[in-house]
């Protein structure tokens, strides 16, 4: 059974930084896409960033325009861990952040992801 467990959320001031992590278990992830999504109160879930894991390498980071240049997605596919480094945070980044995984290439469509974590709250105060 695949499990994705996020950690690292919390309260941060605008302009600050925060690092989210996702621990994946239950299968070997290769030729898979791992991604981050977020959902703010009253809004639909939206794509944040993704990377594609192949055996021995991690490729193709892909970002939403709203976070490009501020957020960095990274991971270690030998340890099945995924990270999201968030810098220059803004109040509009406040949301529940979800780790997700799918078999196949990257996509921003959340309905294409098969596995989801429970989410971690990130709150950015102004």
C-alpha atoms as a PDB file:
ATOM      1  CA  UNK A   1       0.000   0.000   0.000  1.00  0.00           C
ATOM      2  CA  UNK A   2       1.449   3.327  -1.078  1.00  0.00           C
ATOM      3  CA  UNK A   3       1.688   6.006   1.586  1.00  0.00           C
ATOM      4  CA  UNK A   4       2.718   9.624   1.218  1.00  0.00           C
ATOM      5  CA  UNK A   5       3.304  11.538   4.422  1.00  0.00           C
ATOM      6  CA  UNK A   6       3.955  15.273   4.386  1.00  0.00           C
ATOM      7  CA  UNK A   7       5.721  17.267   7.065  1.00  0.00           C
ATOM      8  CA  UNK A   8       7.138  20.731   7.578  1.00  0.00           C
ATOM      9  CA  UNK A   9       4.064  22.928   7.496  1.00  0.00           C
ATOM     10  CA  UNK A  10       3.351  25.703   9.963  1.00  0.00           C
ATOM     11  CA  UNK A  11       3.115  29.443  10.434  1.00  0.00           C
ATOM     12  CA  UNK A  12       5.623  31.750   8.765  1.00  0.00           C
ATOM     13  CA  UNK A  13       5.798  35.495   8.176  1.00  0.00           C
ATOM     14  CA  UNK A  14       5.562  36.961   4.720  1.00  0.00           C
ATOM     15  CA  UNK A  15       8.956  37.022   3.075  1.00  0.00           C
ATOM     16  CA  UNK A  16      10.096  34.017   5.037  1.00  0.00           C
ATOM     17  CA  UNK A  17      10.946  30.488   4.001  1.00  0.00           C
ATOM     18  CA  UNK A  18       9.677  27.038   4.741  1.00  0.00           C
ATOM     19  CA  UNK A  19      10.611  23.545   3.603  1.00  0.00           C
ATOM     20  CA  UNK A  20       8.085  20.795   3.127  1.00  0.00           C
ATOM     21  CA  UNK A  21       8.975  17.126   2.939  1.00  0.00           C
ATOM     22  CA  UNK A  22       7.127  14.074   1.725  1.00  0.00           C
ATOM     23  CA  UNK A  23       8.091  10.531   2.652  1.00  0.00           C
ATOM     24  CA  UNK A  24       6.865   7.908   0.224  1.00  0.00           C
ATOM     25  CA  UNK A  25       6.589   4.222   0.988  1.00  0.00           C
ATOM     26  CA  UNK A  26       4.944   1.094  -0.273  1.00  0.00           C
ATOM     27  CA  UNK A  27       6.596   0.769  -3.650  1.00  0.00           C
ATOM     28  CA  UNK A  28       9.717   1.657  -5.546  1.00  0.00           C
ATOM     29  CA  UNK A  29       9.231   4.927  -7.356  1.00  0.00           C
ATOM     30  CA  UNK A  30      10.887   5.009 -10.753  1.00  0.00           C
ATOM     31  CA  UNK A  31       9.481   6.391 -13.966  1.00  0.00           C
ATOM     32  CA  UNK A  32       7.042   8.225 -11.760  1.00  0.00           C
ATOM     33  CA  UNK A  33       6.080  11.811 -11.264  1.00  0.00           C
ATOM     34  CA  UNK A  34       5.992  13.297  -7.797  1.00  0.00           C
ATOM     35  CA  UNK A  35       4.273  16.589  -7.257  1.00  0.00           C
ATOM     36  CA  UNK A  36       3.006  19.195  -4.867  1.00  0.00           C
ATOM     37  CA  UNK A  37      -0.473  20.675  -4.970  1.00  0.00           C
ATOM     38  CA  UNK A  38      -2.179  23.135  -2.672  1.00  0.00           C
ATOM     39  CA  UNK A  39      -5.680  24.131  -1.735  1.00  0.00           C
ATOM     40  CA  UNK A  40      -6.542  27.452  -0.164  1.00  0.00           C
ATOM     41  CA  UNK A  41      -9.816  28.002   1.734  1.00  0.00           C
ATOM     42  CA  UNK A  42     -12.712  28.344  -0.669  1.00  0.00           C
ATOM     43  CA  UNK A  43     -10.571  27.560  -3.700  1.00  0.00           C
ATOM     44  CA  UNK A  44      -9.939  24.563  -5.883  1.00  0.00           C
ATOM     45  CA  UNK A  45      -6.825  22.489  -5.488  1.00  0.00           C
ATOM     46  CA  UNK A  46      -4.060  23.763  -7.753  1.00  0.00           C
ATOM     47  CA  UNK A  47      -0.780  22.487  -9.093  1.00  0.00           C
ATOM     48  CA  UNK A  48       2.418  23.834  -7.511  1.00  0.00           C
ATOM     49  CA  UNK A  49       5.373  21.836  -8.802  1.00  0.00           C
ATOM     50  CA  UNK A  50       6.439  18.384  -9.979  1.00  0.00           C
ATOM     51  CA  UNK A  51       9.465  16.317 -10.882  1.00  0.00           C
ATOM     52  CA  UNK A  52       9.816  13.024 -12.692  1.00  0.00           C
ATOM     53  CA  UNK A  53      11.879  10.207 -11.234  1.00  0.00           C
ATOM     54  CA  UNK A  54      13.715   7.733 -13.356  1.00  0.00           C
ATOM     55  CA  UNK A  55      16.025   5.010 -12.140  1.00  0.00           C
ATOM     56  CA  UNK A  56      19.153   6.809 -10.971  1.00  0.00           C
ATOM     57  CA  UNK A  57      18.037  10.339 -11.770  1.00  0.00           C
ATOM     58  CA  UNK A  58      15.478  13.023 -11.203  1.00  0.00           C
ATOM     59  CA  UNK A  59      14.372  15.140 -14.101  1.00  0.00           C
ATOM     60  CA  UNK A  60      12.065  17.796 -15.425  1.00  0.00           C
ATOM     61  CA  UNK A  61      11.132  20.127 -12.575  1.00  0.00           C
ATOM     62  CA  UNK A  62       7.965  21.900 -13.543  1.00  0.00           C
ATOM     63  CA  UNK A  63       6.427  24.855 -11.718  1.00  0.00           C
ATOM     64  CA  UNK A  64       3.239  26.824 -11.646  1.00  0.00           C
ATOM     65  CA  UNK A  65       3.821  30.397 -12.779  1.00  0.00           C
ATOM     66  CA  UNK A  66       2.731  31.693  -9.383  1.00  0.00           C
ATOM     67  CA  UNK A  67       5.655  30.006  -7.609  1.00  0.00           C
ATOM     68  CA  UNK A  68       8.342  29.999 -10.290  1.00  0.00           C
ATOM     69  CA  UNK A  69      11.528  31.572  -8.990  1.00  0.00           C
ATOM     70  CA  UNK A  70      10.425  31.267  -5.356  1.00  0.00           C
ATOM     71  CA  UNK A  71       9.832  27.546  -4.860  1.00  0.00           C
ATOM     72  CA  UNK A  72      12.194  24.678  -5.597  1.00  0.00           C
ATOM     73  CA  UNK A  73      11.156  21.048  -5.821  1.00  0.00           C
ATOM     74  CA  UNK A  74      13.743  18.365  -5.168  1.00  0.00           C
ATOM     75  CA  UNK A  75      13.940  14.793  -4.101  1.00  0.00           C
ATOM     76  CA  UNK A  76      15.966  11.692  -3.486  1.00  0.00           C
ATOM     77  CA  UNK A  77      14.556   8.690  -5.281  1.00  0.00           C
ATOM     78  CA  UNK A  78      16.921   6.348  -3.462  1.00  0.00           C
ATOM     79  CA  UNK A  79      15.225   7.381  -0.214  1.00  0.00           C
ATOM     80  CA  UNK A  80      11.781   8.036  -1.701  1.00  0.00           C
ATOM     81  CA  UNK A  81      11.669  11.543  -0.307  1.00  0.00           C
ATOM     82  CA  UNK A  82      10.371  14.703  -1.923  1.00  0.00           C
ATOM     83  CA  UNK A  83      10.910  18.284  -0.793  1.00  0.00           C
ATOM     84  CA  UNK A  84       9.525  21.698  -1.561  1.00  0.00           C
ATOM     85  CA  UNK A  85      11.684  24.652  -0.568  1.00  0.00           C
ATOM     86  CA  UNK A  86       9.511  27.736  -0.399  1.00  0.00           C
ATOM     87  CA  UNK A  87      11.163  31.160  -0.280  1.00  0.00           C
ATOM     88  CA  UNK A  88       9.793  34.694  -0.371  1.00  0.00           C
ATOM     89  CA  UNK A  89       6.477  33.430   0.901  1.00  0.00           C
ATOM     90  CA  UNK A  90       3.379  35.543   0.419  1.00  0.00           C
ATOM     91  CA  UNK A  91       0.055  35.500   2.266  1.00  0.00           C
ATOM     92  CA  UNK A  92      -1.554  34.118  -0.900  1.00  0.00           C
ATOM     93  CA  UNK A  93       0.634  31.018  -0.513  1.00  0.00           C
ATOM     94  CA  UNK A  94      -1.441  30.077   2.533  1.00  0.00           C
ATOM     95  CA  UNK A  95      -2.996  26.688   1.850  1.00  0.00           C
ATOM     96  CA  UNK A  96      -2.958  23.015   2.649  1.00  0.00           C
ATOM     97  CA  UNK A  97      -0.088  21.508   0.671  1.00  0.00           C
ATOM     98  CA  UNK A  98      -0.408  17.982  -0.656  1.00  0.00           C
ATOM     99  CA  UNK A  99       2.199  15.559  -1.921  1.00  0.00           C
ATOM    100  CA  UNK A 100       1.050  13.408  -4.828  1.00  0.00           C
ATOM    101  CA  UNK A 101       2.438  10.703  -7.090  1.00  0.00           C
ATOM    102  CA  UNK A 102       1.535   9.141 -10.385  1.00  0.00           C
ATOM    103  CA  UNK A 103       2.968   6.579 -12.789  1.00  0.00           C
ATOM    104  CA  UNK A 104       4.110   8.351 -15.913  1.00  0.00           C
ATOM    105  CA  UNK A 105       5.161  11.796 -17.095  1.00  0.00           C
ATOM    106  CA  UNK A 106       4.483  15.064 -15.404  1.00  0.00           C
ATOM    107  CA  UNK A 107       1.151  16.812 -15.591  1.00  0.00           C
ATOM    108  CA  UNK A 108      -0.525  19.617 -13.705  1.00  0.00           C
ATOM    109  CA  UNK A 109      -3.867  17.810 -13.704  1.00  0.00           C
ATOM    110  CA  UNK A 110      -4.632  16.659 -10.176  1.00  0.00           C
ATOM    111  CA  UNK A 111      -7.017  13.955 -11.389  1.00  0.00           C
ATOM    112  CA  UNK A 112      -4.063  12.243 -13.071  1.00  0.00           C
ATOM    113  CA  UNK A 113      -2.329  11.562  -9.753  1.00  0.00           C
ATOM    114  CA  UNK A 114      -3.042   8.205  -8.160  1.00  0.00           C
ATOM    115  CA  UNK A 115      -1.603   8.682  -4.702  1.00  0.00           C
ATOM    116  CA  UNK A 116      -2.053  11.520  -2.236  1.00  0.00           C
ATOM    117  CA  UNK A 117      -0.810  12.478   1.193  1.00  0.00           C
ATOM    118  CA  UNK A 118      -3.027  13.833   3.925  1.00  0.00           C
ATOM    119  CA  UNK A 119      -1.748  17.396   3.504  1.00  0.00           C
ATOM    120  CA  UNK A 120       0.128  19.862   5.667  1.00  0.00           C
ATOM    121  CA  UNK A 121      -1.037  23.378   6.491  1.00  0.00           C
ATOM    122  CA  UNK A 122       1.126  26.339   5.550  1.00  0.00           C
ATOM    123  CA  UNK A 123       0.017  29.724   6.861  1.00  0.00           C
ATOM    124  CA  UNK A 124       1.788  32.904   5.784  1.00  0.00           C
ATOM    125  CA  UNK A 125       1.043  35.942   7.922  1.00  0.00           C
ATOM    126  CA  UNK A 126       1.280  39.475   6.561  1.00  0.00           C
END
